[in-house]
Amino acid sequence: MQEVLIFTVGEILEVILPDDIVGKDGFVNIEKAETVAISGLDSYHDTKRIARLSYAKPGN
């Protein structure tokens, strides 16, 4: 029997979030949203922010 692989390509066009989850700078607070993260195909995790760092800037 031959294995069939399906590869899906797509894009996210819109994400709808409550206003109190998105900060003025566009940061999405996933902890406040009480969401989960996924690792692999079947492993789910609670989210806990460790730190928020500034963007890396080349040459600095």
C-alpha atoms as a PDB file:
ATOM      1  CA  MET A   1       0.000   0.000   0.000  1.00  0.00           C
ATOM      2  CA  GLN A   2       1.396   3.410  -0.977  1.00  0.00           C
ATOM      3  CA  GLU A   3       1.504   6.165   1.638  1.00  0.00           C
ATOM      4  CA  VAL A   4      -0.419   9.305   0.683  1.00  0.00           C
ATOM      5  CA  LEU A   5       0.908  12.637   1.928  1.00  0.00           C
ATOM      6  CA  ILE A   6      -1.191  15.792   1.934  1.00  0.00           C
ATOM      7  CA  PHE A   7       0.545  19.171   2.128  1.00  0.00           C
ATOM      8  CA  THR A   8      -1.701  22.161   2.788  1.00  0.00           C
ATOM      9  CA  VAL A   9      -0.579  25.733   2.142  1.00  0.00           C
ATOM     10  CA  GLY A  10      -2.637  28.637   3.399  1.00  0.00           C
ATOM     11  CA  GLU A  11      -2.640  31.990   5.105  1.00  0.00           C
ATOM     12  CA  ILE A  12      -4.456  33.560   8.021  1.00  0.00           C
ATOM     13  CA  LEU A  13      -6.487  36.493   6.760  1.00  0.00           C
ATOM     14  CA  GLU A  14      -8.063  37.676  10.001  1.00  0.00           C
ATOM     15  CA  VAL A  15      -7.781  37.004  13.722  1.00  0.00           C
ATOM     16  CA  ILE A  16     -10.615  38.211  15.931  1.00  0.00           C
ATOM     17  CA  LEU A  17      -9.682  38.847  19.576  1.00  0.00           C
ATOM     18  CA  PRO A  18     -11.347  40.686  22.461  1.00  0.00           C
ATOM     19  CA  ASP A  19     -10.073  44.284  22.774  1.00  0.00           C
ATOM     20  CA  ASP A  20      -8.775  43.716  26.319  1.00  0.00           C
ATOM     21  CA  ILE A  21      -6.414  40.961  25.081  1.00  0.00           C
ATOM     22  CA  VAL A  22      -4.561  43.222  22.621  1.00  0.00           C
ATOM     23  CA  GLY A  23      -2.330  45.982  24.029  1.00  0.00           C
ATOM     24  CA  LYS A  24      -1.877  49.441  22.510  1.00  0.00           C
ATOM     25  CA  ASP A  25       1.415  48.251  20.985  1.00  0.00           C
ATOM     26  CA  GLY A  26      -0.273  45.241  19.351  1.00  0.00           C
ATOM     27  CA  PHE A  27       1.026  42.729  21.915  1.00  0.00           C
ATOM     28  CA  VAL A  28      -1.414  39.838  22.371  1.00  0.00           C
ATOM     29  CA  ASN A  29      -1.597  38.719  25.999  1.00  0.00           C
ATOM     30  CA  ILE A  30      -2.164  34.982  25.562  1.00  0.00           C
ATOM     31  CA  GLU A  31      -2.157  34.425  29.331  1.00  0.00           C
ATOM     32  CA  LYS A  32      -5.058  36.836  29.777  1.00  0.00           C
ATOM     33  CA  ALA A  33      -6.828  35.089  26.911  1.00  0.00           C
ATOM     34  CA  GLU A  34      -6.451  31.832  28.890  1.00  0.00           C
ATOM     35  CA  THR A  35      -5.234  30.055  25.798  1.00  0.00           C
ATOM     36  CA  VAL A  36      -2.972  27.039  25.398  1.00  0.00           C
ATOM     37  CA  ALA A  37       0.091  26.310  23.306  1.00  0.00           C
ATOM     38  CA  ILE A  38       0.737  23.183  21.255  1.00  0.00           C
ATOM     39  CA  SER A  39       3.949  21.268  20.757  1.00  0.00           C
ATOM     40  CA  GLY A  40       4.003  18.674  18.028  1.00  0.00           C
ATOM     41  CA  LEU A  41       0.762  16.960  17.154  1.00  0.00           C
ATOM     42  CA  ASP A  42      -0.600  16.001  20.551  1.00  0.00           C
ATOM     43  CA  SER A  43       1.048  17.923  23.387  1.00  0.00           C
ATOM     44  CA  TYR A  44      -0.720  20.933  24.904  1.00  0.00           C
ATOM     45  CA  HIS A  45       0.671  23.379  27.463  1.00  0.00           C
ATOM     46  CA  ASP A  46      -0.465  26.190  29.730  1.00  0.00           C
ATOM     47  CA  THR A  47       1.210  29.477  28.911  1.00  0.00           C
ATOM     48  CA  LYS A  48       3.318  31.471  31.335  1.00  0.00           C
ATOM     49  CA  ARG A  49       5.310  34.469  30.169  1.00  0.00           C
ATOM     50  CA  ILE A  50       8.919  34.430  31.319  1.00  0.00           C
ATOM     51  CA  ALA A  51       9.909  37.883  30.041  1.00  0.00           C
ATOM     52  CA  ARG A  52       9.233  40.419  27.332  1.00  0.00           C
ATOM     53  CA  LEU A  53      12.392  41.646  25.635  1.00  0.00           C
ATOM     54  CA  SER A  54      13.025  44.344  23.061  1.00  0.00           C
ATOM     55  CA  TYR A  55      13.438  43.410  19.410  1.00  0.00           C
ATOM     56  CA  ALA A  56      16.926  42.428  18.303  1.00  0.00           C
ATOM     57  CA  LYS A  57      18.571  45.321  16.475  1.00  0.00           C
ATOM     58  CA  PRO A  58      21.476  44.560  14.124  1.00  0.00           C
ATOM     59  CA  GLY A  59      24.592  46.538  14.962  1.00  0.00           C
ATOM     60  CA  ASN A  60      23.606  47.184  18.602  1.00  0.00           C
END
